[in-house]
Amino acid sequence: MGRPKGAGGNIVLGLRIVQLRRCKGLSQKQLGDAVGVSYQQIQKYEQGINRIASDRLKGIAAALGEKRRGKRTRLKG
């Protein structure tokens, strides 16, 4: 069956979240608690399994200390 078309962006974003979370020294549970989701949901975001809604992405970015630039939330390095 495979991944749906366009899932590559989810995977790239998920990997970026992993990288930033680890740099901040946060566990998946700590990030999930900060955002208001379970650690299992954070796992799914990081693996690119589930798409991240824009409001949820803003929460993740805020929890990771990233700033919003323009109309888009950017998870920068």
N, C-alpha and C. Protein backbone atom coordinates (compact mmCIF):
# COMPACT_ATOMS: atom_id res chain seq x y z
N MET A 1 0.82 -1.18 0.00
CA MET A 1 0.00 0.00 0.00
C MET A 1 0.87 1.25 0.00
N GLY A 2 1.82 1.36 0.91
CA GLY A 2 2.75 2.49 0.92
C GLY A 2 2.17 3.76 1.52
N ARG A 3 2.96 4.79 1.47
CA ARG A 3 2.54 6.09 2.00
C ARG A 3 1.75 6.85 0.95
N PRO A 4 0.82 7.71 1.40
CA PRO A 4 0.06 8.51 0.44
C PRO A 4 0.96 9.51 -0.27
N LYS A 5 0.54 9.89 -1.46
CA LYS A 5 1.28 10.88 -2.23
C LYS A 5 1.39 12.17 -1.41
N GLY A 6 2.57 12.76 -1.38
CA GLY A 6 2.77 13.99 -0.63
C GLY A 6 3.23 13.76 0.80
N ALA A 7 3.37 12.49 1.21
CA ALA A 7 3.76 12.20 2.59
C ALA A 7 5.22 12.56 2.85
N GLY A 8 6.02 12.77 1.81
CA GLY A 8 7.43 13.10 1.98
C GLY A 8 7.65 14.34 2.83
N GLY A 9 6.79 15.32 2.66
CA GLY A 9 6.88 16.54 3.46
C GLY A 9 6.63 16.27 4.93
N ASN A 10 5.72 15.33 5.21
CA ASN A 10 5.45 14.96 6.59
C ASN A 10 6.67 14.32 7.22
N ILE A 11 7.37 13.49 6.46
CA ILE A 11 8.56 12.81 6.96
C ILE A 11 9.67 13.81 7.24
N VAL A 12 9.89 14.73 6.32
CA VAL A 12 10.93 15.75 6.51
C VAL A 12 10.62 16.60 7.74
N LEU A 13 9.39 17.03 7.87
CA LEU A 13 8.99 17.83 9.03
C LEU A 13 9.15 17.03 10.32
N GLY A 14 8.76 15.75 10.28
CA GLY A 14 8.90 14.89 11.44
C GLY A 14 10.34 14.74 11.89
N LEU A 15 11.24 14.57 10.93
CA LEU A 15 12.66 14.45 11.25
C LEU A 15 13.19 15.74 11.86
N ARG A 16 12.70 16.87 11.39
CA ARG A 16 13.12 18.17 11.94
C ARG A 16 12.63 18.32 13.38
N ILE A 17 11.43 17.85 13.65
CA ILE A 17 10.90 17.91 15.01
C ILE A 17 11.76 17.05 15.94
N VAL A 18 12.13 15.84 15.48
CA VAL A 18 13.01 14.97 16.28
C VAL A 18 14.31 15.69 16.61
N GLN A 19 14.90 16.27 15.59
CA GLN A 19 16.18 16.95 15.76
C GLN A 19 16.08 18.09 16.78
N LEU A 20 15.07 18.92 16.65
CA LEU A 20 14.91 20.04 17.57
C LEU A 20 14.56 19.58 18.98
N ARG A 21 13.72 18.55 19.07
CA ARG A 21 13.33 18.03 20.39
C ARG A 21 14.56 17.50 21.12
N ARG A 22 15.39 16.77 20.42
CA ARG A 22 16.60 16.22 21.04
C ARG A 22 17.57 17.32 21.43
N CYS A 23 17.70 18.34 20.59
CA CYS A 23 18.58 19.49 20.91
C CYS A 23 18.12 20.19 22.18
N LYS A 24 16.82 20.22 22.40
CA LYS A 24 16.26 20.86 23.59
C LYS A 24 16.28 19.92 24.80
N GLY A 25 16.65 18.66 24.58
CA GLY A 25 16.71 17.70 25.68
C GLY A 25 15.35 17.25 26.17
N LEU A 26 14.35 17.27 25.27
CA LEU A 26 12.99 16.89 25.65
C LEU A 26 12.69 15.46 25.21
N SER A 27 11.93 14.76 26.01
CA SER A 27 11.41 13.45 25.61
C SER A 27 10.14 13.66 24.79
N GLN A 28 9.69 12.61 24.14
CA GLN A 28 8.43 12.71 23.42
C GLN A 28 7.28 13.00 24.38
N LYS A 29 7.33 12.43 25.56
CA LYS A 29 6.29 12.69 26.56
C LYS A 29 6.30 14.14 26.99
N GLN A 30 7.47 14.71 27.22
CA GLN A 30 7.56 16.12 27.64
C GLN A 30 7.02 17.04 26.55
N LEU A 31 7.39 16.76 25.30
CA LEU A 31 6.88 17.58 24.20
C LEU A 31 5.37 17.42 24.07
N GLY A 32 4.90 16.19 24.16
CA GLY A 32 3.46 15.93 24.08
C GLY A 32 2.70 16.66 25.17
N ASP A 33 3.23 16.61 26.40
CA ASP A 33 2.58 17.31 27.51
C ASP A 33 2.52 18.82 27.26
N ALA A 34 3.60 19.37 26.70
CA ALA A 34 3.65 20.81 26.43
C ALA A 34 2.65 21.22 25.36
N VAL A 35 2.41 20.31 24.41
CA VAL A 35 1.53 20.60 23.28
C VAL A 35 0.09 20.17 23.55
N GLY A 36 -0.08 19.24 24.48
CA GLY A 36 -1.43 18.76 24.79
C GLY A 36 -1.83 17.53 24.02
N VAL A 37 -0.85 16.71 23.64
CA VAL A 37 -1.12 15.43 22.96
C VAL A 37 -0.32 14.34 23.65
N SER A 38 -0.61 13.09 23.32
CA SER A 38 0.11 11.97 23.92
C SER A 38 1.49 11.81 23.26
N TYR A 39 2.36 11.07 23.94
CA TYR A 39 3.67 10.81 23.35
C TYR A 39 3.52 9.95 22.10
N GLN A 40 2.46 9.12 22.05
CA GLN A 40 2.22 8.32 20.85
C GLN A 40 1.92 9.20 19.64
N GLN A 41 1.20 10.30 19.87
CA GLN A 41 0.90 11.21 18.77
C GLN A 41 2.18 11.90 18.30
N ILE A 42 3.04 12.28 19.24
CA ILE A 42 4.33 12.88 18.87
C ILE A 42 5.13 11.89 18.04
N GLN A 43 5.13 10.61 18.43
CA GLN A 43 5.81 9.57 17.64
C GLN A 43 5.30 9.54 16.21
N LYS A 44 3.99 9.61 16.05
CA LYS A 44 3.39 9.56 14.72
C LYS A 44 3.76 10.79 13.89
N TYR A 45 3.80 11.96 14.54
CA TYR A 45 4.23 13.16 13.83
C TYR A 45 5.68 13.02 13.39
N GLU A 46 6.53 12.54 14.30
CA GLU A 46 7.96 12.42 14.00
C GLU A 46 8.25 11.40 12.90
N GLN A 47 7.44 10.37 12.82
CA GLN A 47 7.62 9.33 11.80
C GLN A 47 6.94 9.69 10.48
N GLY A 48 6.21 10.80 10.46
CA GLY A 48 5.51 11.21 9.24
C GLY A 48 4.26 10.41 8.96
N ILE A 49 3.76 9.70 9.97
CA ILE A 49 2.56 8.89 9.81
C ILE A 49 1.32 9.77 9.78
N ASN A 50 1.25 10.73 10.70
CA ASN A 50 0.12 11.65 10.77
C ASN A 50 0.53 13.04 10.33
N ARG A 51 -0.35 13.69 9.61
CA ARG A 51 -0.12 15.08 9.22
C ARG A 51 -0.33 15.96 10.44
N ILE A 52 0.36 17.09 10.44
CA ILE A 52 0.27 18.01 11.58
C ILE A 52 -0.56 19.21 11.16
N ALA A 53 -1.66 19.43 11.87
CA ALA A 53 -2.51 20.59 11.60
C ALA A 53 -1.73 21.86 11.91
N SER A 54 -2.06 22.95 11.25
CA SER A 54 -1.31 24.20 11.41
C SER A 54 -1.31 24.70 12.84
N ASP A 55 -2.44 24.60 13.53
CA ASP A 55 -2.46 25.07 14.92
C ASP A 55 -1.60 24.19 15.82
N ARG A 56 -1.56 22.89 15.53
CA ARG A 56 -0.71 21.98 16.30
C ARG A 56 0.77 22.26 16.01
N LEU A 57 1.08 22.56 14.75
CA LEU A 57 2.46 22.88 14.39
C LEU A 57 2.93 24.14 15.11
N LYS A 58 2.04 25.11 15.24
CA LYS A 58 2.38 26.33 16.00
C LYS A 58 2.70 26.00 17.44
N GLY A 59 1.91 25.09 18.04
CA GLY A 59 2.16 24.68 19.41
C GLY A 59 3.48 23.95 19.57
N ILE A 60 3.79 23.08 18.62
CA ILE A 60 5.06 22.35 18.66
C ILE A 60 6.22 23.32 18.52
N ALA A 61 6.10 24.25 17.58
CA ALA A 61 7.16 25.24 17.38
C ALA A 61 7.37 26.07 18.64
N ALA A 62 6.29 26.47 19.28
CA ALA A 62 6.40 27.27 20.51
C ALA A 62 7.06 26.45 21.62
N ALA A 63 6.68 25.19 21.74
CA ALA A 63 7.26 24.32 22.78
C ALA A 63 8.74 24.09 22.55
N LEU A 64 9.16 24.14 21.28
CA LEU A 64 10.57 23.93 20.94
C LEU A 64 11.33 25.26 20.88
N GLY A 65 10.65 26.35 21.18
CA GLY A 65 11.31 27.65 21.22
C GLY A 65 11.58 28.25 19.87
N GLU A 66 10.84 27.81 18.86
CA GLU A 66 11.01 28.35 17.51
C GLU A 66 10.04 29.49 17.30
N LYS A 67 10.43 30.43 16.46
CA LYS A 67 9.61 31.62 16.23
C LYS A 67 8.83 31.49 14.93
N ARG A 68 7.73 32.20 14.92
CA ARG A 68 6.91 32.26 13.72
C ARG A 68 7.43 33.35 12.81
N ARG A 69 7.54 33.04 11.54
CA ARG A 69 8.02 34.01 10.56
C ARG A 69 6.93 34.19 9.50
N GLY A 70 6.44 35.39 9.41
CA GLY A 70 5.40 35.68 8.43
C GLY A 70 4.15 34.88 8.73
N LYS A 71 3.55 34.32 7.67
CA LYS A 71 2.32 33.56 7.84
C LYS A 71 2.58 32.10 8.16
N ARG A 72 3.83 31.67 8.09
CA ARG A 72 4.15 30.27 8.31
C ARG A 72 5.01 30.09 9.56
N THR A 73 4.80 28.99 10.21
CA THR A 73 5.65 28.63 11.33
C THR A 73 6.86 27.92 10.75
N ARG A 74 8.02 28.36 11.16
CA ARG A 74 9.23 27.75 10.62
C ARG A 74 9.99 27.04 11.74
N LEU A 75 10.30 25.78 11.52
CA LEU A 75 11.13 25.04 12.45
C LEU A 75 12.55 25.11 11.91
N LYS A 76 13.27 26.13 12.35
CA LYS A 76 14.59 26.40 11.80
C LYS A 76 15.68 25.68 12.58
N GLY A 77 16.85 25.64 11.97
CA GLY A 77 18.00 24.97 12.58
C GLY A 77 18.97 25.89 13.20
